[in-house]
Amino acid sequence: MGVEVNGNDVVLVVQVPPAAPERDDDIDDIVLQLEVLLGEAVAVRTRIDVRPACTLSPSTGVDDRVRWFFASRYVGED
């Protein structure tokens, strides 16, 4: 999970593996809390990145403007 900020536009970026559920109540809760915390002047959106391997540094040195901060619970296979 990461955040991309561009002025008053905040995008919560979530990496998920291909087999992950399409909706996640936890993500919805995080967006709601961000909206409450940041107030009406800030627009909070969500972007889901489906990746075969989720990592804290997916761009491998490329500045993708996202600050990655949380390792997901969807790591590896059971």
Protein backbone atom coordinates (compact mmCIF):
# COMPACT_ATOMS: atom_id res chain seq x y z
CA MET A 1 0.00 0.00 0.00
CA GLY A 2 1.23 3.48 -0.76
CA VAL A 3 0.12 7.07 -1.17
CA GLU A 4 0.57 9.45 -4.08
CA VAL A 5 -0.04 13.13 -3.34
CA ASN A 6 -0.51 15.82 -5.96
CA GLY A 7 -1.73 19.02 -4.32
CA ASN A 8 -5.21 18.35 -2.92
CA ASP A 9 -5.47 15.02 -4.73
CA VAL A 10 -4.50 11.95 -2.70
CA VAL A 11 -4.43 8.49 -4.26
CA LEU A 12 -4.26 5.42 -2.05
CA VAL A 13 -2.37 2.86 -4.16
CA VAL A 14 -2.91 -0.79 -3.27
CA GLN A 15 -0.93 -3.65 -4.77
CA VAL A 16 -2.80 -6.93 -4.97
CA PRO A 17 -1.96 -10.32 -6.47
CA PRO A 18 -4.16 -11.59 -9.31
CA ALA A 19 -6.14 -13.93 -7.00
CA ALA A 20 -7.07 -11.20 -4.47
CA PRO A 21 -10.72 -10.30 -3.93
CA GLU A 22 -12.01 -7.39 -6.02
CA ARG A 23 -13.42 -5.52 -3.00
CA ASP A 24 -11.82 -5.20 0.39
CA ASP A 25 -13.64 -3.62 3.32
CA ASP A 26 -10.29 -2.77 4.93
CA ILE A 27 -9.36 -0.57 1.94
CA ASP A 28 -12.75 1.14 2.09
CA ASP A 29 -12.21 1.80 5.82
CA ILE A 30 -8.76 3.31 5.18
CA VAL A 31 -10.17 5.61 2.47
CA LEU A 32 -12.97 6.71 4.80
CA GLN A 33 -10.49 7.46 7.60
CA LEU A 34 -8.26 9.44 5.21
CA GLU A 35 -11.25 11.47 4.07
CA VAL A 36 -12.17 12.25 7.68
CA LEU A 37 -8.57 13.08 8.62
CA LEU A 38 -7.84 15.27 5.57
CA GLY A 39 -11.19 17.04 5.35
CA GLU A 40 -13.34 18.21 2.46
CA ALA A 41 -10.59 20.19 0.72
CA VAL A 42 -8.78 16.98 -0.26
CA ALA A 43 -10.01 14.38 -2.75
CA VAL A 44 -9.11 10.80 -1.82
CA ARG A 45 -9.16 8.16 -4.55
CA THR A 46 -8.03 4.55 -4.77
CA ARG A 47 -5.93 2.82 -7.42
CA ILE A 48 -5.58 -0.96 -7.42
CA ASP A 49 -2.38 -2.30 -9.01
CA VAL A 50 -2.63 -6.02 -9.80
CA ARG A 51 0.90 -7.42 -9.63
CA PRO A 52 2.26 -10.98 -9.67
CA ALA A 53 4.53 -10.07 -6.73
CA CYS A 54 3.70 -7.30 -4.26
CA THR A 55 6.72 -5.45 -2.87
CA LEU A 56 7.54 -2.27 -0.98
CA SER A 57 9.66 -1.08 -3.90
CA PRO A 58 7.77 -2.12 -7.06
CA SER A 59 9.28 0.52 -9.34
CA THR A 60 12.86 -0.68 -8.78
CA GLY A 61 14.44 2.74 -8.71
CA VAL A 62 11.99 4.54 -10.97
CA ASP A 63 10.30 7.52 -9.29
CA ASP A 64 6.63 6.57 -9.60
CA ARG A 65 5.59 9.35 -7.14
CA VAL A 66 4.14 6.77 -4.75
CA ARG A 67 5.47 6.51 -1.22
CA TRP A 68 5.13 2.86 -0.25
CA PHE A 69 4.61 2.30 3.45
CA PHE A 70 2.85 -0.97 4.26
CA ALA A 71 3.43 -4.60 3.34
CA SER A 72 0.16 -6.31 2.51
CA ARG A 73 -1.21 -9.42 4.11
CA TYR A 74 -1.41 -11.01 0.63
CA VAL A 75 2.19 -12.24 0.57
CA GLY A 76 3.01 -15.55 -1.09
CA GLU A 77 0.75 -18.55 -1.39
CA ASP A 78 -0.70 -20.76 1.33
